Amino acid sequence: MADGTDSKLLATGIVGTVIAALCCFTPVLVVALGGFGLAAVLGWIDYVLFPALAFFIGLTIYAVARKTRRARQH
């Protein structure tokens, strides 16, 4: 059961990191929100995306460390 949890945690970290990185470093989110007429809400986007990117990178590192530690115990 712990292996499934570790895999889900790792998958969540990787997917979140990729999505946050795409939105931080490419204009994907700007184009999408602009297409829906929501470009006015983009003023706060850096205050949300950079912490989200840091969180998901940290989550990925934690998941890899946890999975590695469990693999060594077996």
PDB file of N, CA and C in Angstrom:
ATOM      1  N   MET A   1       0.816  -1.188   0.000  1.00  0.00           N
ATOM      2  CA  MET A   1       0.000   0.000   0.000  1.00  0.00           C
ATOM      3  C   MET A   1       0.858   1.250   0.000  1.00  0.00           C
ATOM      4  N   ALA A   2       1.990   1.248   0.669  1.00  0.00           N
ATOM      5  CA  ALA A   2       2.860   2.416   0.712  1.00  0.00           C
ATOM      6  C   ALA A   2       3.462   2.693  -0.658  1.00  0.00           C
ATOM      7  N   ASP A   3       3.709   1.639  -1.447  1.00  0.00           N
ATOM      8  CA  ASP A   3       4.265   1.847  -2.778  1.00  0.00           C
ATOM      9  C   ASP A   3       3.286   2.602  -3.660  1.00  0.00           C
ATOM     10  N   GLY A   4       2.014   2.313  -3.538  1.00  0.00           N
ATOM     11  CA  GLY A   4       1.004   3.029  -4.305  1.00  0.00           C
ATOM     12  C   GLY A   4       0.927   4.491  -3.910  1.00  0.00           C
ATOM     13  N   THR A   5       1.031   4.757  -2.622  1.00  0.00           N
ATOM     14  CA  THR A   5       1.016   6.126  -2.129  1.00  0.00           C
ATOM     15  C   THR A   5       2.242   6.880  -2.614  1.00  0.00           C
ATOM     16  N   ASP A   6       3.404   6.227  -2.572  1.00  0.00           N
ATOM     17  CA  ASP A   6       4.630   6.863  -3.051  1.00  0.00           C
ATOM     18  C   ASP A   6       4.541   7.174  -4.540  1.00  0.00           C
ATOM     19  N   SER A   7       3.989   6.266  -5.304  1.00  0.00           N
ATOM     20  CA  SER A   7       3.858   6.485  -6.746  1.00  0.00           C
ATOM     21  C   SER A   7       2.890   7.623  -7.051  1.00  0.00           C
ATOM     22  N   LYS A   8       1.781   7.688  -6.318  1.00  0.00           N
ATOM     23  CA  LYS A   8       0.819   8.771  -6.516  1.00  0.00           C
ATOM     24  C   LYS A   8       1.427  10.113  -6.127  1.00  0.00           C
ATOM     25  N   LEU A   9       2.180  10.122  -5.035  1.00  0.00           N
ATOM     26  CA  LEU A   9       2.833  11.343  -4.581  1.00  0.00           C
ATOM     27  C   LEU A   9       3.857  11.815  -5.607  1.00  0.00           C
ATOM     28  N   LEU A  10       4.619  10.885  -6.144  1.00  0.00           N
ATOM     29  CA  LEU A  10       5.614  11.216  -7.160  1.00  0.00           C
ATOM     30  C   LEU A  10       4.945  11.717  -8.436  1.00  0.00           C
ATOM     31  N   ALA A  11       3.889  11.058  -8.861  1.00  0.00           N
ATOM     32  CA  ALA A  11       3.167  11.483 -10.067  1.00  0.00           C
ATOM     33  C   ALA A  11       2.567  12.871  -9.886  1.00  0.00           C
ATOM     34  N   THR A  12       1.997  13.139  -8.725  1.00  0.00           N
ATOM     35  CA  THR A  12       1.433  14.460  -8.447  1.00  0.00           C
ATOM     36  C   THR A  12       2.517  15.529  -8.489  1.00  0.00           C
ATOM     37  N   GLY A  13       3.656  15.231  -7.904  1.00  0.00           N
ATOM     38  CA  GLY A  13       4.762  16.184  -7.908  1.00  0.00           C
ATOM     39  C   GLY A  13       5.264  16.478  -9.309  1.00  0.00           C
ATOM     40  N   ILE A  14       5.420  15.445 -10.107  1.00  0.00           N
ATOM     41  CA  ILE A  14       5.937  15.630 -11.467  1.00  0.00           C
ATOM     42  C   ILE A  14       4.935  16.386 -12.335  1.00  0.00           C
ATOM     43  N   VAL A  15       3.679  15.998 -12.282  1.00  0.00           N
ATOM     44  CA  VAL A  15       2.655  16.671 -13.091  1.00  0.00           C
ATOM     45  C   VAL A  15       2.514  18.134 -12.670  1.00  0.00           C
ATOM     46  N   GLY A  16       2.478  18.379 -11.378  1.00  0.00           N
ATOM     47  CA  GLY A  16       2.372  19.756 -10.887  1.00  0.00           C
ATOM     48  C   GLY A  16       3.564  20.601 -11.282  1.00  0.00           C
ATOM     49  N   THR A  17       4.761  20.018 -11.218  1.00  0.00           N
ATOM     50  CA  THR A  17       5.964  20.738 -11.617  1.00  0.00           C
ATOM     51  C   THR A  17       5.933  21.089 -13.096  1.00  0.00           C
ATOM     52  N   VAL A  18       5.544  20.146 -13.924  1.00  0.00           N
ATOM     53  CA  VAL A  18       5.488  20.399 -15.368  1.00  0.00           C
ATOM     54  C   VAL A  18       4.459  21.479 -15.690  1.00  0.00           C
ATOM     55  N   ILE A  19       3.290  21.406 -15.094  1.00  0.00           N
ATOM     56  CA  ILE A  19       2.252  22.405 -15.366  1.00  0.00           C
ATOM     57  C   ILE A  19       2.685  23.783 -14.879  1.00  0.00           C
ATOM     58  N   ALA A  20       3.227  23.867 -13.667  1.00  0.00           N
ATOM     59  CA  ALA A  20       3.668  25.160 -13.150  1.00  0.00           C
ATOM     60  C   ALA A  20       4.822  25.715 -13.979  1.00  0.00           C
ATOM     61  N   ALA A  21       5.744  24.853 -14.411  1.00  0.00           N
ATOM     62  CA  ALA A  21       6.866  25.316 -15.232  1.00  0.00           C
ATOM     63  C   ALA A  21       6.369  25.811 -16.591  1.00  0.00           C
ATOM     64  N   LEU A  22       5.432  25.108 -17.193  1.00  0.00           N
ATOM     65  CA  LEU A  22       4.876  25.564 -18.470  1.00  0.00           C
ATOM     66  C   LEU A  22       4.211  26.926 -18.331  1.00  0.00           C
ATOM     67  N   CYS A  23       3.505  27.107 -17.252  1.00  0.00           N
ATOM     68  CA  CYS A  23       2.812  28.382 -17.054  1.00  0.00           C
ATOM     69  C   CYS A  23       3.771  29.497 -16.656  1.00  0.00           C
ATOM     70  N   CYS A  24       4.877  29.173 -16.011  1.00  0.00           N
ATOM     71  CA  CYS A  24       5.862  30.186 -15.611  1.00  0.00           C
ATOM     72  C   CYS A  24       6.740  30.625 -16.776  1.00  0.00           C
ATOM     73  N   PHE A  25       7.192  29.684 -17.570  1.00  0.00           N
ATOM     74  CA  PHE A  25       8.229  29.970 -18.550  1.00  0.00           C
ATOM     75  C   PHE A  25       7.733  30.061 -19.987  1.00  0.00           C
ATOM     76  N   THR A  26       6.474  29.806 -20.218  1.00  0.00           N
ATOM     77  CA  THR A  26       5.900  29.968 -21.552  1.00  0.00           C
ATOM     78  C   THR A  26       4.610  30.756 -21.401  1.00  0.00           C
ATOM     79  N   PRO A  27       4.132  31.346 -22.468  1.00  0.00           N
ATOM     80  CA  PRO A  27       2.914  32.156 -22.362  1.00  0.00           C
ATOM     81  C   PRO A  27       1.614  31.347 -22.442  1.00  0.00           C
ATOM     82  N   VAL A  28       1.661  30.088 -22.044  1.00  0.00           N
ATOM     83  CA  VAL A  28       0.472  29.243 -22.142  1.00  0.00           C
ATOM     84  C   VAL A  28      -0.702  29.829 -21.362  1.00  0.00           C
ATOM     85  N   LEU A  29      -0.463  30.175 -20.118  1.00  0.00           N
ATOM     86  CA  LEU A  29      -1.542  30.687 -19.281  1.00  0.00           C
ATOM     87  C   LEU A  29      -1.999  32.066 -19.749  1.00  0.00           C
ATOM     88  N   VAL A  30      -1.074  32.899 -20.189  1.00  0.00           N
ATOM     89  CA  VAL A  30      -1.424  34.232 -20.668  1.00  0.00           C
ATOM     90  C   VAL A  30      -2.309  34.140 -21.910  1.00  0.00           C
ATOM     91  N   VAL A  31      -1.940  33.276 -22.827  1.00  0.00           N
ATOM     92  CA  VAL A  31      -2.733  33.110 -24.051  1.00  0.00           C
ATOM     93  C   VAL A  31      -4.105  32.521 -23.723  1.00  0.00           C
ATOM     94  N   ALA A  32      -4.130  31.537 -22.848  1.00  0.00           N
ATOM     95  CA  ALA A  32      -5.406  30.904 -22.494  1.00  0.00           C
ATOM     96  C   ALA A  32      -6.349  31.889 -21.810  1.00  0.00           C
ATOM     97  N   LEU A  33      -5.848  32.625 -20.836  1.00  0.00           N
ATOM     98  CA  LEU A  33      -6.706  33.584 -20.141  1.00  0.00           C
ATOM     99  C   LEU A  33      -7.077  34.752 -21.048  1.00  0.00           C
ATOM    100  N   GLY A  34      -6.149  35.162 -21.896  1.00  0.00           N
ATOM    101  CA  GLY A  34      -6.461  36.224 -22.857  1.00  0.00           C
ATOM    102  C   GLY A  34      -7.529  35.792 -23.840  1.00  0.00           C
ATOM    103  N   GLY A  35      -7.505  34.546 -24.230  1.00  0.00           N
ATOM    104  CA  GLY A  35      -8.517  34.026 -25.151  1.00  0.00           C
ATOM    105  C   GLY A  35      -9.909  34.012 -24.544  1.00  0.00           C
ATOM    106  N   PHE A  36      -9.975  33.895 -23.235  1.00  0.00           N
ATOM    107  CA  PHE A  36     -11.270  33.904 -22.556  1.00  0.00           C
ATOM    108  C   PHE A  36     -11.658  35.289 -22.062  1.00  0.00           C
ATOM    109  N   GLY A  37     -10.831  36.288 -22.384  1.00  0.00           N
ATOM    110  CA  GLY A  37     -11.128  37.650 -21.950  1.00  0.00           C
ATOM    111  C   GLY A  37     -10.790  37.913 -20.499  1.00  0.00           C
ATOM    112  N   LEU A  38      -9.911  37.110 -19.932  1.00  0.00           N
ATOM    113  CA  LEU A  38      -9.554  37.258 -18.514  1.00  0.00           C
ATOM    114  C   LEU A  38      -8.127  37.768 -18.328  1.00  0.00           C
ATOM    115  N   ALA A  39      -7.624  38.512 -19.281  1.00  0.00           N
ATOM    116  CA  ALA A  39      -6.249  38.997 -19.210  1.00  0.00           C
ATOM    117  C   ALA A  39      -6.038  39.955 -18.035  1.00  0.00           C
ATOM    118  N   ALA A  40      -7.089  40.564 -17.539  1.00  0.00           N
ATOM    119  CA  ALA A  40      -6.968  41.512 -16.434  1.00  0.00           C
ATOM    120  C   ALA A  40      -6.534  40.842 -15.133  1.00  0.00           C
ATOM    121  N   VAL A  41      -6.734  39.550 -15.001  1.00  0.00           N
ATOM    122  CA  VAL A  41      -6.376  38.862 -13.761  1.00  0.00           C
ATOM    123  C   VAL A  41      -4.922  38.396 -13.752  1.00  0.00           C
ATOM    124  N   LEU A  42      -4.152  38.739 -14.774  1.00  0.00           N
ATOM    125  CA  LEU A  42      -2.780  38.252 -14.873  1.00  0.00           C
ATOM    126  C   LEU A  42      -1.780  39.045 -14.042  1.00  0.00           C
ATOM    127  N   GLY A  43      -2.200  40.093 -13.399  1.00  0.00           N
ATOM    128  CA  GLY A  43      -1.283  40.892 -12.588  1.00  0.00           C
ATOM    129  C   GLY A  43      -0.738  40.137 -11.389  1.00  0.00           C
ATOM    130  N   TRP A  44      -1.465  39.207 -10.865  1.00  0.00           N
ATOM    131  CA  TRP A  44      -1.059  38.467  -9.662  1.00  0.00           C
ATOM    132  C   TRP A  44      -0.437  37.122  -9.979  1.00  0.00           C
ATOM    133  N   ILE A  45      -0.299  36.789 -11.240  1.00  0.00           N
ATOM    134  CA  ILE A  45       0.065  35.425 -11.628  1.00  0.00           C
ATOM    135  C   ILE A  45       1.450  35.007 -11.112  1.00  0.00           C
ATOM    136  N   ASP A  46       2.419  35.934 -11.097  1.00  0.00           N
ATOM    137  CA  ASP A  46       3.757  35.583 -10.612  1.00  0.00           C
ATOM    138  C   ASP A  46       3.752  35.271  -9.120  1.00  0.00           C
ATOM    139  N   TYR A  47       2.860  35.899  -8.383  1.00  0.00           N
ATOM    140  CA  TYR A  47       2.782  35.654  -6.941  1.00  0.00           C
ATOM    141  C   TYR A  47       2.227  34.275  -6.618  1.00  0.00           C
ATOM    142  N   VAL A  48       1.590  33.654  -7.584  1.00  0.00           N
ATOM    143  CA  VAL A  48       1.014  32.318  -7.385  1.00  0.00           C
ATOM    144  C   VAL A  48       1.870  31.238  -8.039  1.00  0.00           C
ATOM    145  N   LEU A  49       2.328  31.478  -9.249  1.00  0.00           N
ATOM    146  CA  LEU A  49       3.014  30.420 -10.000  1.00  0.00           C
ATOM    147  C   LEU A  49       4.393  30.078  -9.459  1.00  0.00           C
ATOM    148  N   PHE A  50       5.181  31.064  -9.067  1.00  0.00           N
ATOM    149  CA  PHE A  50       6.516  30.752  -8.561  1.00  0.00           C
ATOM    150  C   PHE A  50       6.478  29.967  -7.241  1.00  0.00           C
ATOM    151  N   PRO A  51       5.631  30.347  -6.284  1.00  0.00           N
ATOM    152  CA  PRO A  51       5.510  29.498  -5.096  1.00  0.00           C
ATOM    153  C   PRO A  51       4.948  28.111  -5.419  1.00  0.00           C
ATOM    154  N   ALA A  52       4.015  28.029  -6.375  1.00  0.00           N
ATOM    155  CA  ALA A  52       3.479  26.722  -6.765  1.00  0.00           C
ATOM    156  C   ALA A  52       4.570  25.862  -7.386  1.00  0.00           C
ATOM    157  N   LEU A  53       5.411  26.464  -8.221  1.00  0.00           N
ATOM    158  CA  LEU A  53       6.525  25.728  -8.818  1.00  0.00           C
ATOM    159  C   LEU A  53       7.471  25.227  -7.735  1.00  0.00           C
ATOM    160  N   ALA A  54       7.812  26.081  -6.782  1.00  0.00           N
ATOM    161  CA  ALA A  54       8.693  25.673  -5.688  1.00  0.00           C
ATOM    162  C   ALA A  54       8.068  24.546  -4.865  1.00  0.00           C
ATOM    163  N   PHE A  55       6.765  24.636  -4.607  1.00  0.00           N
ATOM    164  CA  PHE A  55       6.076  23.597  -3.842  1.00  0.00           C
ATOM    165  C   PHE A  55       6.120  22.262  -4.563  1.00  0.00           C
ATOM    166  N   PHE A  56       5.808  22.254  -5.859  1.00  0.00           N
ATOM    167  CA  PHE A  56       5.774  20.992  -6.592  1.00  0.00           C
ATOM    168  C   PHE A  56       7.160  20.404  -6.808  1.00  0.00           C
ATOM    169  N   ILE A  57       8.181  21.242  -6.951  1.00  0.00           N
ATOM    170  CA  ILE A  57       9.551  20.725  -7.019  1.00  0.00           C
ATOM    171  C   ILE A  57       9.918  20.084  -5.685  1.00  0.00           C
ATOM    172  N   GLY A  58       9.562  20.742  -4.594  1.00  0.00           N
ATOM    173  CA  GLY A  58       9.805  20.168  -3.266  1.00  0.00           C
ATOM    174  C   GLY A  58       9.051  18.870  -3.053  1.00  0.00           C
ATOM    175  N   LEU A  59       7.811  18.813  -3.513  1.00  0.00           N
ATOM    176  CA  LEU A  59       7.011  17.596  -3.398  1.00  0.00           C
ATOM    177  C   LEU A  59       7.641  16.454  -4.186  1.00  0.00           C
ATOM    178  N   THR A  60       8.158  16.751  -5.364  1.00  0.00           N
ATOM    179  CA  THR A  60       8.808  15.733  -6.182  1.00  0.00           C
ATOM    180  C   THR A  60      10.071  15.215  -5.502  1.00  0.00           C
ATOM    181  N   ILE A  61      10.869  16.119  -4.966  1.00  0.00           N
ATOM    182  CA  ILE A  61      12.089  15.711  -4.259  1.00  0.00           C
ATOM    183  C   ILE A  61      11.741  14.852  -3.041  1.00  0.00           C
ATOM    184  N   TYR A  62      10.729  15.256  -2.302  1.00  0.00           N
ATOM    185  CA  TYR A  62      10.294  14.480  -1.138  1.00  0.00           C
ATOM    186  C   TYR A  62       9.820  13.084  -1.540  1.00  0.00           C
ATOM    187  N   ALA A  63       9.038  13.014  -2.619  1.00  0.00           N
ATOM    188  CA  ALA A  63       8.508  11.720  -3.066  1.00  0.00           C
ATOM    189  C   ALA A  63       9.633  10.793  -3.521  1.00  0.00           C
ATOM    190  N   VAL A  64      10.612  11.337  -4.240  1.00  0.00           N
ATOM    191  CA  VAL A  64      11.748  10.514  -4.682  1.00  0.00           C
ATOM    192  C   VAL A  64      12.550  10.032  -3.478  1.00  0.00           C
ATOM    193  N   ALA A  65      12.798  10.912  -2.522  1.00  0.00           N
ATOM    194  CA  ALA A  65      13.552  10.520  -1.325  1.00  0.00           C
ATOM    195  C   ALA A  65      12.793   9.457  -0.532  1.00  0.00           C
ATOM    196  N   ARG A  66      11.494   9.627  -0.411  1.00  0.00           N
ATOM    197  CA  ARG A  66      10.678   8.655   0.332  1.00  0.00           C
ATOM    198  C   ARG A  66      10.671   7.293  -0.366  1.00  0.00           C
ATOM    199  N   LYS A  67      10.526   7.311  -1.681  1.00  0.00           N
ATOM    200  CA  LYS A  67      10.506   6.070  -2.439  1.00  0.00           C
ATOM    201  C   LYS A  67      11.870   5.373  -2.367  1.00  0.00           C
ATOM    202  N   THR A  68      12.950   6.138  -2.460  1.00  0.00           N
ATOM    203  CA  THR A  68      14.290   5.573  -2.347  1.00  0.00           C
ATOM    204  C   THR A  68      14.544   4.982  -0.967  1.00  0.00           C
ATOM    205  N   ARG A  69      14.116   5.682   0.064  1.00  0.00           N
ATOM    206  CA  ARG A  69      14.301   5.197   1.431  1.00  0.00           C
ATOM    207  C   ARG A  69      13.533   3.903   1.658  1.00  0.00           C
ATOM    208  N   ARG A  70      12.312   3.829   1.143  1.00  0.00           N
ATOM    209  CA  ARG A  70      11.527   2.578   1.288  1.00  0.00           C
ATOM    210  C   ARG A  70      12.138   1.432   0.507  1.00  0.00           C
ATOM    211  N   ALA A  71      12.708   1.735  -0.659  1.00  0.00           N
ATOM    212  CA  ALA A  71      13.331   0.673  -1.477  1.00  0.00           C
ATOM    213  C   ALA A  71      14.568   0.124  -0.776  1.00  0.00           C
ATOM    214  N   ARG A  72      15.290   0.965  -0.073  1.00  0.00           N
ATOM    215  CA  ARG A  72      16.482   0.503   0.654  1.00  0.00           C
ATOM    216  C   ARG A  72      16.127  -0.363   1.856  1.00  0.00           C
ATOM    217  N   GLN A  73      14.958  -0.114   2.448  1.00  0.00           N
ATOM    218  CA  GLN A  73      14.542  -0.890   3.613  1.00  0.00           C
ATOM    219  C   GLN A  73      14.140  -2.294   3.239  1.00  0.00           C
ATOM    220  N   HIS A  74      13.749  -2.510   2.012  1.00  0.00           N
ATOM    221  CA  HIS A  74      13.299  -3.851   1.602  1.00  0.00           C
ATOM    222  C   HIS A  74      14.419  -4.576   1.023  1.00  0.00           C
TER     223      HIS A  74
END
